[in-house]
Amino acid sequence: MTDTSLTDIAVTTLDGRDTTLGELSDGATLVVNVASKCGLTPQYTALEKLAQDYRDRGLTVIGVPCNQFMGQEPGTAEEIQEFCSTTYGVTFPLLAKTDVNGADRHPLYAELTKAADDSGEAGDIQWNFEKFLLAPGGTVVKRFRPRTEPDAPEVIAAIEDVLPR
């Protein structure tokens, strides 16, 4: 980790507002790179349920649209917002379309990808819907690969562990 906390890294919301992770979430945070035309897109349903079920206990889900995986997030900000709200009822914050890998990787993902998954592997995002659970304060406590469903027992257990009882 650098001297900059994850919560202090500048991000831009889908509607173009400059902010930070800390302004979007003052508790635990689940950061997920998302896409509208992916086989894993139905995970939006479980992500929204997590956002609703755990909001009052301090969890914020943050979606990060990314078009780096076979062009599966081709839309404009308006199209992404409409798709997410109309198709999946998404109410959690969405960031502007972001590069999560490569030379133009966003500083947020430069930090997040330093975290290892349960098998000890850090590095590049494998695909859409990779999840990072941050404790209040911004420390990465768990990394879940794309095929791990948002409502999988290990995800729920990790969320429960970082939230106040």
Protein backbone atom coordinates (compact mmCIF):
# COMPACT_ATOMS: atom_id res chain seq x y z
CA MET A 1 0.00 0.00 0.00
CA THR A 2 1.10 3.53 -0.64
CA ASP A 3 0.66 6.48 1.69
CA THR A 4 -2.69 7.11 0.00
CA SER A 5 -5.58 5.25 1.56
CA LEU A 6 -7.98 3.55 -0.83
CA THR A 7 -10.69 5.77 0.62
CA ASP A 8 -8.77 8.88 -0.53
CA ILE A 9 -8.30 7.84 -4.17
CA ALA A 10 -10.16 10.13 -6.56
CA VAL A 11 -12.92 8.45 -8.55
CA THR A 12 -15.65 9.72 -10.85
CA THR A 13 -19.27 8.63 -10.57
CA LEU A 14 -21.19 7.45 -13.61
CA ASP A 15 -22.92 10.84 -13.77
CA GLY A 16 -19.54 12.62 -13.93
CA ARG A 17 -19.16 13.81 -10.34
CA ASP A 18 -15.62 13.75 -8.88
CA THR A 19 -15.49 12.10 -5.47
CA THR A 20 -13.57 9.53 -3.43
CA LEU A 21 -14.36 6.04 -2.21
CA GLY A 22 -14.50 7.47 1.30
CA GLU A 23 -17.21 9.93 0.30
CA LEU A 24 -19.26 7.13 -1.29
CA SER A 25 -18.88 4.75 1.64
CA ASP A 26 -18.16 5.44 5.29
CA GLY A 27 -18.32 1.76 6.23
CA ALA A 28 -17.47 -1.54 4.59
CA THR A 29 -17.36 -1.48 0.79
CA LEU A 30 -17.73 -4.14 -1.88
CA VAL A 31 -16.05 -2.89 -5.08
CA VAL A 32 -17.03 -4.86 -8.19
CA ASN A 33 -16.04 -4.31 -11.83
CA VAL A 34 -19.26 -4.79 -13.79
CA ALA A 35 -20.48 -5.16 -17.37
CA SER A 36 -23.91 -5.17 -18.99
CA LYS A 37 -23.33 -7.80 -21.70
CA CYS A 38 -21.50 -10.53 -19.80
CA GLY A 39 -22.60 -14.04 -18.90
CA LEU A 40 -22.07 -12.99 -15.27
CA THR A 41 -24.27 -9.86 -15.57
CA PRO A 42 -27.13 -11.53 -13.62
CA GLN A 43 -24.88 -11.09 -10.54
CA TYR A 44 -26.33 -7.57 -10.45
CA THR A 45 -29.42 -9.10 -8.79
CA ALA A 46 -27.43 -10.50 -5.85
CA LEU A 47 -25.29 -7.35 -5.64
CA GLU A 48 -28.40 -5.19 -5.30
CA LYS A 49 -29.80 -7.58 -2.67
CA LEU A 50 -26.54 -7.29 -0.69
CA ALA A 51 -26.70 -3.51 -1.00
CA GLN A 52 -30.27 -3.48 0.32
CA ASP A 53 -29.84 -6.13 3.02
CA TYR A 54 -26.64 -4.69 4.51
CA ARG A 55 -27.01 -0.95 3.85
CA ASP A 56 -28.28 -0.23 7.37
CA ARG A 57 -25.29 -2.09 8.86
CA GLY A 58 -22.79 -0.04 6.88
CA LEU A 59 -22.09 -1.89 3.61
CA THR A 60 -21.91 0.02 0.35
CA VAL A 61 -21.68 -1.86 -2.95
CA ILE A 62 -19.89 0.13 -5.66
CA GLY A 63 -20.08 -0.97 -9.29
CA VAL A 64 -17.24 -0.09 -11.64
CA PRO A 65 -18.23 -0.50 -15.30
CA CYS A 66 -15.36 -1.81 -17.40
CA ASN A 67 -15.18 -2.49 -21.14
CA GLN A 68 -11.83 -4.31 -21.12
CA PHE A 69 -13.20 -7.86 -21.33
CA MET A 70 -14.38 -8.60 -24.87
CA GLY A 71 -16.14 -5.22 -25.08
CA GLN A 72 -18.91 -6.33 -22.72
CA GLU A 73 -19.63 -2.81 -21.43
CA PRO A 74 -19.92 -0.80 -24.66
CA GLY A 75 -22.59 1.68 -23.57
CA THR A 76 -22.48 5.34 -22.69
CA ALA A 77 -22.88 6.40 -19.07
CA GLU A 78 -26.58 7.04 -19.70
CA GLU A 79 -27.08 3.62 -21.32
CA ILE A 80 -25.27 1.86 -18.47
CA GLN A 81 -27.35 3.69 -15.84
CA GLU A 82 -30.60 2.94 -17.65
CA PHE A 83 -29.72 -0.73 -18.13
CA CYS A 84 -28.71 -1.20 -14.50
CA SER A 85 -31.71 0.57 -13.01
CA THR A 86 -34.32 -0.77 -15.44
CA THR A 87 -33.10 -4.36 -15.76
CA TYR A 88 -31.76 -5.01 -12.26
CA GLY A 89 -33.15 -2.19 -10.10
CA VAL A 90 -29.63 -1.11 -9.16
CA THR A 91 -29.59 1.62 -6.52
CA PHE A 92 -25.95 1.35 -5.41
CA PRO A 93 -23.35 3.83 -6.73
CA LEU A 94 -21.79 3.22 -10.12
CA LEU A 95 -18.51 4.79 -11.19
CA ALA A 96 -17.55 6.04 -14.63
CA LYS A 97 -16.32 3.40 -17.06
CA THR A 98 -12.85 2.45 -15.83
CA ASP A 99 -9.80 0.48 -16.97
CA VAL A 100 -8.97 -2.13 -14.33
CA ASN A 101 -5.93 -3.65 -16.09
CA GLY A 102 -3.13 -2.47 -18.34
CA ALA A 103 -1.26 0.77 -18.88
CA ASP A 104 -4.32 2.94 -18.19
CA ARG A 105 -5.37 1.02 -15.06
CA HIS A 106 -7.15 3.37 -12.66
CA PRO A 107 -5.19 4.16 -9.46
CA LEU A 108 -7.95 2.48 -7.43
CA TYR A 109 -7.34 -0.79 -9.27
CA ALA A 110 -3.56 -0.33 -9.12
CA GLU A 111 -4.02 -0.64 -5.35
CA LEU A 112 -6.83 -3.22 -5.30
CA THR A 113 -4.97 -5.67 -7.54
CA LYS A 114 -2.14 -5.87 -4.99
CA ALA A 115 -4.54 -7.89 -2.81
CA ALA A 116 -4.35 -11.67 -3.16
CA ASP A 117 -7.31 -14.02 -3.41
CA ASP A 118 -7.70 -17.10 -1.17
CA SER A 119 -5.21 -19.04 -3.30
CA GLY A 120 -2.59 -16.31 -2.76
CA GLU A 121 -2.82 -14.91 -6.28
CA ALA A 122 -2.72 -11.13 -6.72
CA GLY A 123 -2.42 -9.17 -9.95
CA ASP A 124 -4.70 -8.45 -12.88
CA ILE A 125 -8.46 -8.64 -12.76
CA GLN A 126 -9.46 -11.92 -14.44
CA TRP A 127 -12.86 -10.90 -15.82
CA ASN A 128 -15.99 -8.90 -15.10
CA PHE A 129 -17.51 -9.14 -11.61
CA GLU A 130 -14.31 -9.57 -9.61
CA LYS A 131 -15.06 -8.42 -6.06
CA PHE A 132 -12.99 -6.69 -3.37
CA LEU A 133 -14.33 -6.37 0.16
CA LEU A 134 -12.93 -3.41 2.07
CA ALA A 135 -13.24 -3.02 5.81
CA PRO A 136 -14.33 0.36 7.16
CA GLY A 137 -11.28 2.57 6.65
CA GLY A 138 -10.44 1.05 3.28
CA THR A 139 -8.29 -2.02 3.97
CA VAL A 140 -8.86 -4.88 1.50
CA VAL A 141 -9.92 -7.89 3.55
CA LYS A 142 -11.03 -10.30 0.81
CA ARG A 143 -10.78 -10.71 -2.95
CA PHE A 144 -13.33 -12.86 -4.72
CA ARG A 145 -12.87 -13.98 -8.31
CA PRO A 146 -15.60 -13.37 -10.92
CA ARG A 147 -17.40 -16.70 -10.71
CA THR A 148 -17.90 -16.38 -6.96
CA GLU A 149 -21.52 -15.26 -6.66
CA PRO A 150 -22.13 -12.16 -4.52
CA ASP A 151 -24.42 -14.19 -2.23
CA ALA A 152 -22.03 -17.15 -1.86
CA PRO A 153 -21.59 -18.26 1.77
CA GLU A 154 -17.94 -17.15 1.83
CA VAL A 155 -18.88 -13.65 0.63
CA ILE A 156 -21.69 -13.33 3.18
CA ALA A 157 -19.39 -14.57 5.97
CA ALA A 158 -16.68 -12.05 5.01
CA ILE A 159 -19.23 -9.20 4.94
CA GLU A 160 -20.63 -10.24 8.31
CA ASP A 161 -17.07 -10.28 9.73
CA VAL A 162 -16.36 -6.64 8.80
CA LEU A 163 -19.73 -5.16 9.78
CA PRO A 164 -20.76 -4.09 13.25
CA ARG A 165 -23.07 -6.57 14.93
